[in-house]
PDB file of N, CA and C in Angstrom:
ATOM      1  N   MET A   1      26.718 -34.312  35.439  1.00  0.00           N
ATOM      2  CA  MET A   1      25.925 -33.668  34.413  1.00  0.00           C
ATOM      3  C   MET A   1      24.451 -33.969  34.663  1.00  0.00           C
ATOM      4  N   ARG A   2      23.609 -32.965  34.515  1.00  0.00           N
ATOM      5  CA  ARG A   2      22.174 -33.130  34.730  1.00  0.00           C
ATOM      6  C   ARG A   2      21.484 -33.590  33.452  1.00  0.00           C
ATOM      7  N   SER A   3      20.469 -34.349  33.627  1.00  0.00           N
ATOM      8  CA  SER A   3      19.723 -34.869  32.487  1.00  0.00           C
ATOM      9  C   SER A   3      18.786 -33.793  31.939  1.00  0.00           C
ATOM     10  N   ALA A   4      18.624 -33.754  30.641  1.00  0.00           N
ATOM     11  CA  ALA A   4      17.726 -32.787  29.998  1.00  0.00           C
ATOM     12  C   ALA A   4      16.285 -33.275  29.998  1.00  0.00           C
ATOM     13  N   ILE A   5      16.062 -34.497  30.370  1.00  0.00           N
ATOM     14  CA  ILE A   5      14.719 -35.063  30.315  1.00  0.00           C
ATOM     15  C   ILE A   5      13.730 -34.327  31.232  1.00  0.00           C
ATOM     16  N   PRO A   6      14.067 -34.048  32.495  1.00  0.00           N
ATOM     17  CA  PRO A   6      13.085 -33.342  33.326  1.00  0.00           C
ATOM     18  C   PRO A   6      12.730 -31.968  32.765  1.00  0.00           C
ATOM     19  N   ARG A   7      13.707 -31.263  32.228  1.00  0.00           N
ATOM     20  CA  ARG A   7      13.420 -29.944  31.652  1.00  0.00           C
ATOM     21  C   ARG A   7      12.523 -30.072  30.429  1.00  0.00           C
ATOM     22  N   THR A   8      12.824 -31.047  29.603  1.00  0.00           N
ATOM     23  CA  THR A   8      12.009 -31.252  28.413  1.00  0.00           C
ATOM     24  C   THR A   8      10.589 -31.615  28.796  1.00  0.00           C
ATOM     25  N   GLY A   9      10.450 -32.482  29.793  1.00  0.00           N
ATOM     26  CA  GLY A   9       9.112 -32.859  30.253  1.00  0.00           C
ATOM     27  C   GLY A   9       8.333 -31.668  30.781  1.00  0.00           C
ATOM     28  N   ALA A  10       8.997 -30.828  31.550  1.00  0.00           N
ATOM     29  CA  ALA A  10       8.337 -29.637  32.086  1.00  0.00           C
ATOM     30  C   ALA A  10       7.969 -28.680  30.958  1.00  0.00           C
ATOM     31  N   TRP A  11       8.844 -28.558  29.984  1.00  0.00           N
ATOM     32  CA  TRP A  11       8.575 -27.667  28.853  1.00  0.00           C
ATOM     33  C   TRP A  11       7.369 -28.170  28.070  1.00  0.00           C
ATOM     34  N   CYS A  12       7.322 -29.467  27.810  1.00  0.00           N
ATOM     35  CA  CYS A  12       6.198 -30.055  27.070  1.00  0.00           C
ATOM     36  C   CYS A  12       4.890 -29.890  27.839  1.00  0.00           C
ATOM     37  N   ALA A  13       4.947 -30.083  29.147  1.00  0.00           N
ATOM     38  CA  ALA A  13       3.745 -29.914  29.967  1.00  0.00           C
ATOM     39  C   ALA A  13       3.266 -28.467  29.906  1.00  0.00           C
ATOM     40  N   GLY A  14       4.196 -27.536  29.962  1.00  0.00           N
ATOM     41  CA  GLY A  14       3.836 -26.122  29.865  1.00  0.00           C
ATOM     42  C   GLY A  14       3.236 -25.778  28.518  1.00  0.00           C
ATOM     43  N   LEU A  15       3.815 -26.337  27.459  1.00  0.00           N
ATOM     44  CA  LEU A  15       3.301 -26.108  26.115  1.00  0.00           C
ATOM     45  C   LEU A  15       1.894 -26.684  25.967  1.00  0.00           C
ATOM     46  N   ALA A  16       1.673 -27.867  26.489  1.00  0.00           N
ATOM     47  CA  ALA A  16       0.351 -28.495  26.428  1.00  0.00           C
ATOM     48  C   ALA A  16      -0.683 -27.656  27.180  1.00  0.00           C
ATOM     49  N   LEU A  17      -0.306 -27.142  28.337  1.00  0.00           N
ATOM     50  CA  LEU A  17      -1.214 -26.302  29.110  1.00  0.00           C
ATOM     51  C   LEU A  17      -1.541 -25.026  28.345  1.00  0.00           C
ATOM     52  N   ALA A  18      -0.524 -24.406  27.760  1.00  0.00           N
ATOM     53  CA  ALA A  18      -0.749 -23.183  26.993  1.00  0.00           C
ATOM     54  C   ALA A  18      -1.674 -23.448  25.815  1.00  0.00           C
ATOM     55  N   ALA A  19      -1.526 -24.574  25.169  1.00  0.00           N
ATOM     56  CA  ALA A  19      -2.379 -24.908  24.025  1.00  0.00           C
ATOM     57  C   ALA A  19      -3.825 -25.082  24.445  1.00  0.00           C
ATOM     58  N   THR A  20      -4.077 -25.677  25.596  1.00  0.00           N
ATOM     59  CA  THR A  20      -5.458 -25.868  26.032  1.00  0.00           C
ATOM     60  C   THR A  20      -6.098 -24.554  26.432  1.00  0.00           C
ATOM     61  N   VAL A  21      -5.314 -23.616  26.892  1.00  0.00           N
ATOM     62  CA  VAL A  21      -5.837 -22.299  27.251  1.00  0.00           C
ATOM     63  C   VAL A  21      -6.082 -21.474  26.000  1.00  0.00           C
ATOM     64  N   ALA A  22      -5.208 -21.580  25.002  1.00  0.00           N
ATOM     65  CA  ALA A  22      -5.302 -20.762  23.795  1.00  0.00           C
ATOM     66  C   ALA A  22      -6.435 -21.190  22.873  1.00  0.00           C
ATOM     67  N   VAL A  23      -6.778 -22.444  22.838  1.00  0.00           N
ATOM     68  CA  VAL A  23      -7.783 -22.923  21.896  1.00  0.00           C
ATOM     69  C   VAL A  23      -9.139 -22.243  22.091  1.00  0.00           C
ATOM     70  N   PRO A  24      -9.682 -22.142  23.300  1.00  0.00           N
ATOM     71  CA  PRO A  24     -10.975 -21.486  23.429  1.00  0.00           C
ATOM     72  C   PRO A  24     -10.966 -20.028  22.982  1.00  0.00           C
ATOM     73  N   VAL A  25      -9.876 -19.310  23.242  1.00  0.00           N
ATOM     74  CA  VAL A  25      -9.792 -17.914  22.820  1.00  0.00           C
ATOM     75  C   VAL A  25      -9.811 -17.832  21.308  1.00  0.00           C
ATOM     76  N   ALA A  26      -9.021 -18.675  20.644  1.00  0.00           N
ATOM     77  CA  ALA A  26      -8.990 -18.676  19.187  1.00  0.00           C
ATOM     78  C   ALA A  26     -10.353 -19.049  18.621  1.00  0.00           C
ATOM     79  N   ALA A  27     -11.016 -20.012  19.226  1.00  0.00           N
ATOM     80  CA  ALA A  27     -12.337 -20.424  18.766  1.00  0.00           C
ATOM     81  C   ALA A  27     -13.335 -19.283  18.908  1.00  0.00           C
ATOM     82  N   GLN A  28     -13.239 -18.518  19.968  1.00  0.00           N
ATOM     83  CA  GLN A  28     -14.130 -17.374  20.144  1.00  0.00           C
ATOM     84  C   GLN A  28     -13.904 -16.346  19.044  1.00  0.00           C
ATOM     85  N   ASP A  29     -12.660 -16.069  18.701  1.00  0.00           N
ATOM     86  CA  ASP A  29     -12.376 -15.103  17.648  1.00  0.00           C
ATOM     87  C   ASP A  29     -12.942 -15.566  16.313  1.00  0.00           C
ATOM     88  N   VAL A  30     -12.812 -16.848  16.014  1.00  0.00           N
ATOM     89  CA  VAL A  30     -13.350 -17.399  14.769  1.00  0.00           C
ATOM     90  C   VAL A  30     -14.870 -17.269  14.761  1.00  0.00           C
ATOM     91  N   GLN A  31     -15.510 -17.577  15.869  1.00  0.00           N
ATOM     92  CA  GLN A  31     -16.967 -17.473  15.935  1.00  0.00           C
ATOM     93  C   GLN A  31     -17.430 -16.033  15.793  1.00  0.00           C
ATOM     94  N   ALA A  32     -16.785 -15.120  16.479  1.00  0.00           N
ATOM     95  CA  ALA A  32     -17.164 -13.707  16.389  1.00  0.00           C
ATOM     96  C   ALA A  32     -16.990 -13.201  14.960  1.00  0.00           C
ATOM     97  N   ARG A  33     -15.917 -13.624  14.308  1.00  0.00           N
ATOM     98  CA  ARG A  33     -15.693 -13.211  12.921  1.00  0.00           C
ATOM     99  C   ARG A  33     -16.779 -13.774  12.013  1.00  0.00           C
ATOM    100  N   ALA A  34     -17.206 -14.998  12.270  1.00  0.00           N
ATOM    101  CA  ALA A  34     -18.277 -15.596  11.473  1.00  0.00           C
ATOM    102  C   ALA A  34     -19.579 -14.809  11.646  1.00  0.00           C
ATOM    103  N   TRP A  35     -19.902 -14.444  12.879  1.00  0.00           N
ATOM    104  CA  TRP A  35     -21.097 -13.631  13.107  1.00  0.00           C
ATOM    105  C   TRP A  35     -20.963 -12.274  12.422  1.00  0.00           C
ATOM    106  N   ALA A  36     -19.796 -11.669  12.535  1.00  0.00           N
ATOM    107  CA  ALA A  36     -19.560 -10.351  11.957  1.00  0.00           C
ATOM    108  C   ALA A  36     -19.630 -10.372  10.433  1.00  0.00           C
ATOM    109  N   ALA A  37     -19.366 -11.518   9.829  1.00  0.00           N
ATOM    110  CA  ALA A  37     -19.414 -11.624   8.369  1.00  0.00           C
ATOM    111  C   ALA A  37     -20.799 -11.317   7.823  1.00  0.00           C
ATOM    112  N   SER A  38     -21.830 -11.547   8.629  1.00  0.00           N
ATOM    113  CA  SER A  38     -23.188 -11.252   8.163  1.00  0.00           C
ATOM    114  C   SER A  38     -23.425  -9.750   8.008  1.00  0.00           C
ATOM    115  N   CYS A  39     -22.534  -8.944   8.534  1.00  0.00           N
ATOM    116  CA  CYS A  39     -22.654  -7.486   8.449  1.00  0.00           C
ATOM    117  C   CYS A  39     -22.045  -6.936   7.155  1.00  0.00           C
ATOM    118  N   ALA A  40     -21.275  -7.763   6.452  1.00  0.00           N
ATOM    119  CA  ALA A  40     -20.512  -7.312   5.289  1.00  0.00           C
ATOM    120  C   ALA A  40     -21.384  -6.787   4.156  1.00  0.00           C
ATOM    121  N   ALA A  41     -22.565  -7.346   3.971  1.00  0.00           N
ATOM    122  CA  ALA A  41     -23.419  -6.916   2.861  1.00  0.00           C
ATOM    123  C   ALA A  41     -23.702  -5.413   2.908  1.00  0.00           C
ATOM    124  N   CYS A  42     -23.858  -4.871   4.093  1.00  0.00           N
ATOM    125  CA  CYS A  42     -24.157  -3.437   4.230  1.00  0.00           C
ATOM    126  C   CYS A  42     -22.951  -2.626   4.710  1.00  0.00           C
ATOM    127  N   HIS A  43     -22.193  -3.183   5.651  1.00  0.00           N
ATOM    128  CA  HIS A  43     -21.109  -2.438   6.292  1.00  0.00           C
ATOM    129  C   HIS A  43     -19.733  -2.710   5.701  1.00  0.00           C
ATOM    130  N   GLY A  44     -19.651  -3.540   4.672  1.00  0.00           N
ATOM    131  CA  GLY A  44     -18.388  -3.836   4.009  1.00  0.00           C
ATOM    132  C   GLY A  44     -17.624  -4.955   4.701  1.00  0.00           C
ATOM    133  N   THR A  45     -16.661  -5.503   3.989  1.00  0.00           N
ATOM    134  CA  THR A  45     -15.831  -6.569   4.528  1.00  0.00           C
ATOM    135  C   THR A  45     -15.129  -6.094   5.786  1.00  0.00           C
ATOM    136  N   ASP A  46     -15.244  -6.876   6.849  1.00  0.00           N
ATOM    137  CA  ASP A  46     -14.670  -6.541   8.157  1.00  0.00           C
ATOM    138  C   ASP A  46     -15.113  -5.172   8.656  1.00  0.00           C
ATOM    139  N   GLY A  47     -16.306  -4.734   8.223  1.00  0.00           N
ATOM    140  CA  GLY A  47     -16.863  -3.474   8.715  1.00  0.00           C
ATOM    141  C   GLY A  47     -16.248  -2.230   8.110  1.00  0.00           C
ATOM    142  N   ARG A  48     -15.576  -2.371   6.984  1.00  0.00           N
ATOM    143  CA  ARG A  48     -14.922  -1.226   6.322  1.00  0.00           C
ATOM    144  C   ARG A  48     -15.808  -0.697   5.193  1.00  0.00           C
ATOM    145  N   SER A  49     -16.893  -0.071   5.550  1.00  0.00           N
ATOM    146  CA  SER A  49     -17.844   0.469   4.581  1.00  0.00           C
ATOM    147  C   SER A  49     -17.241   1.646   3.838  1.00  0.00           C
ATOM    148  N   THR A  50     -17.555   1.705   2.555  1.00  0.00           N
ATOM    149  CA  THR A  50     -17.115   2.857   1.753  1.00  0.00           C
ATOM    150  C   THR A  50     -18.319   3.625   1.226  1.00  0.00           C
ATOM    151  N   GLY A  51     -19.497   3.183   1.589  1.00  0.00           N
ATOM    152  CA  GLY A  51     -20.719   3.819   1.096  1.00  0.00           C
ATOM    153  C   GLY A  51     -21.406   4.644   2.162  1.00  0.00           C
ATOM    154  N   ALA A  52     -22.717   4.738   2.023  1.00  0.00           N
ATOM    155  CA  ALA A  52     -23.517   5.555   2.938  1.00  0.00           C
ATOM    156  C   ALA A  52     -23.704   4.899   4.304  1.00  0.00           C
ATOM    157  N   VAL A  53     -23.576   3.581   4.362  1.00  0.00           N
ATOM    158  CA  VAL A  53     -23.742   2.870   5.628  1.00  0.00           C
ATOM    159  C   VAL A  53     -22.484   3.076   6.467  1.00  0.00           C
ATOM    160  N   PRO A  54     -22.626   3.392   7.745  1.00  0.00           N
ATOM    161  CA  PRO A  54     -21.448   3.690   8.569  1.00  0.00           C
ATOM    162  C   PRO A  54     -20.508   2.487   8.709  1.00  0.00           C
ATOM    163  N   PRO A  55     -19.202   2.761   8.683  1.00  0.00           N
ATOM    164  CA  PRO A  55     -18.238   1.674   8.919  1.00  0.00           C
ATOM    165  C   PRO A  55     -18.259   1.265  10.388  1.00  0.00           C
ATOM    166  N   LEU A  56     -17.901   0.018  10.638  1.00  0.00           N
ATOM    167  CA  LEU A  56     -17.847  -0.505  11.998  1.00  0.00           C
ATOM    168  C   LEU A  56     -16.408  -0.714  12.473  1.00  0.00           C
ATOM    169  N   ALA A  57     -15.517  -0.945  11.551  1.00  0.00           N
ATOM    170  CA  ALA A  57     -14.123  -1.256  11.878  1.00  0.00           C
ATOM    171  C   ALA A  57     -13.471  -0.144  12.701  1.00  0.00           C
ATOM    172  N   GLY A  58     -12.856  -0.557  13.799  1.00  0.00           N
ATOM    173  CA  GLY A  58     -12.086   0.367  14.618  1.00  0.00           C
ATOM    174  C   GLY A  58     -12.892   1.278  15.522  1.00  0.00           C
ATOM    175  N   ARG A  59     -14.200   1.150  15.519  1.00  0.00           N
ATOM    176  CA  ARG A  59     -15.004   1.988  16.412  1.00  0.00           C
ATOM    177  C   ARG A  59     -14.916   1.429  17.825  1.00  0.00           C
ATOM    178  N   PRO A  60     -15.101   2.268  18.827  1.00  0.00           N
ATOM    179  CA  PRO A  60     -15.032   1.788  20.214  1.00  0.00           C
ATOM    180  C   PRO A  60     -16.075   0.705  20.498  1.00  0.00           C
ATOM    181  N   LYS A  61     -15.637  -0.328  21.203  1.00  0.00           N
ATOM    182  CA  LYS A  61     -16.499  -1.457  21.525  1.00  0.00           C
ATOM    183  C   LYS A  61     -17.781  -1.001  22.217  1.00  0.00           C
ATOM    184  N   ALA A  62     -17.659  -0.111  23.179  1.00  0.00           N
ATOM    185  CA  ALA A  62     -18.833   0.347  23.939  1.00  0.00           C
ATOM    186  C   ALA A  62     -19.854   1.016  23.026  1.00  0.00           C
ATOM    187  N   ASP A  63     -19.389   1.800  22.058  1.00  0.00           N
ATOM    188  CA  ASP A  63     -20.301   2.473  21.128  1.00  0.00           C
ATOM    189  C   ASP A  63     -21.025   1.465  20.241  1.00  0.00           C
ATOM    190  N   LEU A  64     -20.277   0.500  19.728  1.00  0.00           N
ATOM    191  CA  LEU A  64     -20.876  -0.531  18.873  1.00  0.00           C
ATOM    192  C   LEU A  64     -21.902  -1.353  19.643  1.00  0.00           C
ATOM    193  N   LEU A  65     -21.530  -1.751  20.843  1.00  0.00           N
ATOM    194  CA  LEU A  65     -22.429  -2.565  21.659  1.00  0.00           C
ATOM    195  C   LEU A  65     -23.695  -1.800  22.006  1.00  0.00           C
ATOM    196  N   ARG A  66     -23.548  -0.558  22.389  1.00  0.00           N
ATOM    197  CA  ARG A  66     -24.717   0.260  22.742  1.00  0.00           C
ATOM    198  C   ARG A  66     -25.654   0.397  21.534  1.00  0.00           C
ATOM    199  N   ALA A  67     -25.090   0.640  20.359  1.00  0.00           N
ATOM    200  CA  ALA A  67     -25.919   0.783  19.156  1.00  0.00           C
ATOM    201  C   ALA A  67     -26.677  -0.510  18.865  1.00  0.00           C
ATOM    202  N   MET A  68     -25.976  -1.644  18.944  1.00  0.00           N
ATOM    203  CA  MET A  68     -26.640  -2.927  18.659  1.00  0.00           C
ATOM    204  C   MET A  68     -27.712  -3.250  19.698  1.00  0.00           C
ATOM    205  N   GLN A  69     -27.445  -2.929  20.960  1.00  0.00           N
ATOM    206  CA  GLN A  69     -28.447  -3.162  21.996  1.00  0.00           C
ATOM    207  C   GLN A  69     -29.657  -2.250  21.801  1.00  0.00           C
ATOM    208  N   ASP A  70     -29.397  -1.006  21.358  1.00  0.00           N
ATOM    209  CA  ASP A  70     -30.503  -0.084  21.087  1.00  0.00           C
ATOM    210  C   ASP A  70     -31.346  -0.561  19.907  1.00  0.00           C
ATOM    211  N   PHE A  71     -30.711  -1.115  18.879  1.00  0.00           N
ATOM    212  CA  PHE A  71     -31.467  -1.692  17.766  1.00  0.00           C
ATOM    213  C   PHE A  71     -32.295  -2.874  18.250  1.00  0.00           C
ATOM    214  N   LYS A  72     -31.673  -3.723  19.046  1.00  0.00           N
ATOM    215  CA  LYS A  72     -32.337  -4.935  19.541  1.00  0.00           C
ATOM    216  C   LYS A  72     -33.567  -4.598  20.383  1.00  0.00           C
ATOM    217  N   SER A  73     -33.443  -3.588  21.225  1.00  0.00           N
ATOM    218  CA  SER A  73     -34.554  -3.227  22.114  1.00  0.00           C
ATOM    219  C   SER A  73     -35.623  -2.381  21.431  1.00  0.00           C
ATOM    220  N   GLY A  74     -35.313  -1.863  20.252  1.00  0.00           N
ATOM    221  CA  GLY A  74     -36.249  -0.984  19.560  1.00  0.00           C
ATOM    222  C   GLY A  74     -36.075   0.477  19.915  1.00  0.00           C
ATOM    223  N   LYS A  75     -35.134   0.775  20.783  1.00  0.00           N
ATOM    224  CA  LYS A  75     -34.865   2.158  21.182  1.00  0.00           C
ATOM    225  C   LYS A  75     -34.369   2.976  19.991  1.00  0.00           C
ATOM    226  N   ARG A  76     -33.656   2.316  19.100  1.00  0.00           N
ATOM    227  CA  ARG A  76     -33.125   2.967  17.912  1.00  0.00           C
ATOM    228  C   ARG A  76     -33.802   2.329  16.698  1.00  0.00           C
ATOM    229  N   SER A  77     -34.401   3.151  15.858  1.00  0.00           N
ATOM    230  CA  SER A  77     -35.126   2.604  14.713  1.00  0.00           C
ATOM    231  C   SER A  77     -34.183   2.362  13.528  1.00  0.00           C
ATOM    232  N   ALA A  78     -34.585   1.411  12.698  1.00  0.00           N
ATOM    233  CA  ALA A  78     -33.795   1.069  11.525  1.00  0.00           C
ATOM    234  C   ALA A  78     -34.664   0.304  10.553  1.00  0.00           C
ATOM    235  N   THR A  79     -34.175   0.158   9.343  1.00  0.00           N
ATOM    236  CA  THR A  79     -34.916  -0.619   8.368  1.00  0.00           C
ATOM    237  C   THR A  79     -34.647  -2.112   8.528  1.00  0.00           C
ATOM    238  N   ILE A  80     -33.436  -2.486   8.924  1.00  0.00           N
ATOM    239  CA  ILE A  80     -33.105  -3.898   9.041  1.00  0.00           C
ATOM    240  C   ILE A  80     -32.287  -4.249  10.279  1.00  0.00           C
ATOM    241  N   MET A  81     -31.552  -3.303  10.832  1.00  0.00           N
ATOM    242  CA  MET A  81     -30.642  -3.603  11.944  1.00  0.00           C
ATOM    243  C   MET A  81     -31.362  -4.182  13.160  1.00  0.00           C
ATOM    244  N   HIS A  82     -32.564  -3.744  13.441  1.00  0.00           N
ATOM    245  CA  HIS A  82     -33.282  -4.288  14.597  1.00  0.00           C
ATOM    246  C   HIS A  82     -33.540  -5.779  14.416  1.00  0.00           C
ATOM    247  N   GLN A  83     -33.765  -6.217  13.184  1.00  0.00           N
ATOM    248  CA  GLN A  83     -33.986  -7.639  12.931  1.00  0.00           C
ATOM    249  C   GLN A  83     -32.699  -8.440  13.120  1.00  0.00           C
ATOM    250  N   HIS A  84     -31.598  -7.902  12.638  1.00  0.00           N
ATOM    251  CA  HIS A  84     -30.310  -8.582  12.821  1.00  0.00           C
ATOM    252  C   HIS A  84     -29.962  -8.682  14.303  1.00  0.00           C
ATOM    253  N   ALA A  85     -30.068  -7.574  15.006  1.00  0.00           N
ATOM    254  CA  ALA A  85     -29.665  -7.535  16.418  1.00  0.00           C
ATOM    255  C   ALA A  85     -30.487  -8.483  17.277  1.00  0.00           C
ATOM    256  N   LYS A  86     -31.751  -8.638  16.965  1.00  0.00           N
ATOM    257  CA  LYS A  86     -32.604  -9.534  17.753  1.00  0.00           C
ATOM    258  C   LYS A  86     -32.206 -10.999  17.603  1.00  0.00           C
ATOM    259  N   GLY A  87     -31.426 -11.320  16.591  1.00  0.00           N
ATOM    260  CA  GLY A  87     -30.996 -12.688  16.367  1.00  0.00           C
ATOM    261  C   GLY A  87     -29.811 -13.114  17.221  1.00  0.00           C
ATOM    262  N   TYR A  88     -29.283 -12.201  18.017  1.00  0.00           N
ATOM    263  CA  TYR A  88     -28.098 -12.489  18.836  1.00  0.00           C
ATOM    264  C   TYR A  88     -28.400 -12.262  20.316  1.00  0.00           C
ATOM    265  N   THR A  89     -27.733 -13.030  21.154  1.00  0.00           N
ATOM    266  CA  THR A  89     -27.814 -12.786  22.595  1.00  0.00           C
ATOM    267  C   THR A  89     -26.972 -11.556  22.915  1.00  0.00           C
ATOM    268  N   ASP A  90     -27.128 -11.028  24.114  1.00  0.00           N
ATOM    269  CA  ASP A  90     -26.316  -9.884  24.522  1.00  0.00           C
ATOM    270  C   ASP A  90     -24.828 -10.246  24.539  1.00  0.00           C
ATOM    271  N   ALA A  91     -24.512 -11.462  24.964  1.00  0.00           N
ATOM    272  CA  ALA A  91     -23.112 -11.900  24.987  1.00  0.00           C
ATOM    273  C   ALA A  91     -22.543 -11.995  23.569  1.00  0.00           C
ATOM    274  N   GLU A  92     -23.346 -12.459  22.637  1.00  0.00           N
ATOM    275  CA  GLU A  92     -22.891 -12.542  21.245  1.00  0.00           C
ATOM    276  C   GLU A  92     -22.689 -11.147  20.658  1.00  0.00           C
ATOM    277  N   LEU A  93     -23.606 -10.228  20.962  1.00  0.00           N
ATOM    278  CA  LEU A  93     -23.441  -8.846  20.497  1.00  0.00           C
ATOM    279  C   LEU A  93     -22.162  -8.238  21.057  1.00  0.00           C
ATOM    280  N   GLU A  94     -21.851  -8.562  22.300  1.00  0.00           N
ATOM    281  CA  GLU A  94     -20.621  -8.055  22.906  1.00  0.00           C
ATOM    282  C   GLU A  94     -19.393  -8.584  22.173  1.00  0.00           C
ATOM    283  N   ARG A  95     -19.423  -9.844  21.811  1.00  0.00           N
ATOM    284  CA  ARG A  95     -18.285 -10.428  21.084  1.00  0.00           C
ATOM    285  C   ARG A  95     -18.161  -9.838  19.683  1.00  0.00           C
ATOM    286  N   ILE A  96     -19.283  -9.565  19.037  1.00  0.00           N
ATOM    287  CA  ILE A  96     -19.247  -8.938  17.713  1.00  0.00           C
ATOM    288  C   ILE A  96     -18.680  -7.527  17.828  1.00  0.00           C
ATOM    289  N   ALA A  97     -19.130  -6.778  18.826  1.00  0.00           N
ATOM    290  CA  ALA A  97     -18.613  -5.424  19.043  1.00  0.00           C
ATOM    291  C   ALA A  97     -17.113  -5.457  19.323  1.00  0.00           C
ATOM    292  N   ASP A  98     -16.694  -6.422  20.115  1.00  0.00           N
ATOM    293  CA  ASP A  98     -15.269  -6.576  20.420  1.00  0.00           C
ATOM    294  C   ASP A  98     -14.489  -6.873  19.151  1.00  0.00           C
ATOM    295  N   TYR A  99     -15.019  -7.740  18.307  1.00  0.00           N
ATOM    296  CA  TYR A  99     -14.342  -8.081  17.051  1.00  0.00           C
ATOM    297  C   TYR A  99     -14.146  -6.827  16.198  1.00  0.00           C
ATOM    298  N   PHE A 100     -15.232  -6.089  15.934  1.00  0.00           N
ATOM    299  CA  PHE A 100     -15.122  -4.917  15.077  1.00  0.00           C
ATOM    300  C   PHE A 100     -14.230  -3.831  15.689  1.00  0.00           C
ATOM    301  N   SER A 101     -14.233  -3.714  16.991  1.00  0.00           N
ATOM    302  CA  SER A 101     -13.395  -2.684  17.626  1.00  0.00           C
ATOM    303  C   SER A 101     -11.903  -2.956  17.421  1.00  0.00           C
ATOM    304  N   LYS A 102     -11.556  -4.208  17.175  1.00  0.00           N
ATOM    305  CA  LYS A 102     -10.152  -4.589  17.003  1.00  0.00           C
ATOM    306  C   LYS A 102      -9.709  -4.621  15.544  1.00  0.00           C
ATOM    307  N   VAL A 103     -10.651  -4.430  14.617  1.00  0.00           N
ATOM    308  CA  VAL A 103     -10.307  -4.427  13.190  1.00  0.00           C
ATOM    309  C   VAL A 103      -9.785  -3.047  12.835  1.00  0.00           C
ATOM    310  N   SER A 104      -8.658  -2.998  12.139  1.00  0.00           N
ATOM    311  CA  SER A 104      -8.113  -1.689  11.734  1.00  0.00           C
ATOM    312  C   SER A 104      -8.987  -1.081  10.630  1.00  0.00           C
ATOM    313  N   ARG A 105      -9.033   0.208  10.626  1.00  0.00           N
ATOM    314  CA  ARG A 105      -9.879   0.922   9.654  1.00  0.00           C
ATOM    315  C   ARG A 105      -9.325   0.865   8.302  1.00  0.00           C
TER     316      ARG A 105
END
């Protein structure tokens, strides 16, 4: 009869490895959601606007990113969005766009 100890050890090692890989991804999602929360005042919770301000939830990532980069560079005018966009790096804007693109409408 074979011992279950080597299998258990291998399983635990695999689980530990998976946990170390998963933590940074989860942390990124939490951070992106925290950044995206600052958009709620105008664009609604999780980007689900019901007013005159356009919703962000479920829009294509590329479209969201392009709009935020255009606000940041001044290419697209706005009353407040250019100020918000300038507060983020391009990588942070990409993560925010990714977050909103994955939120259901």
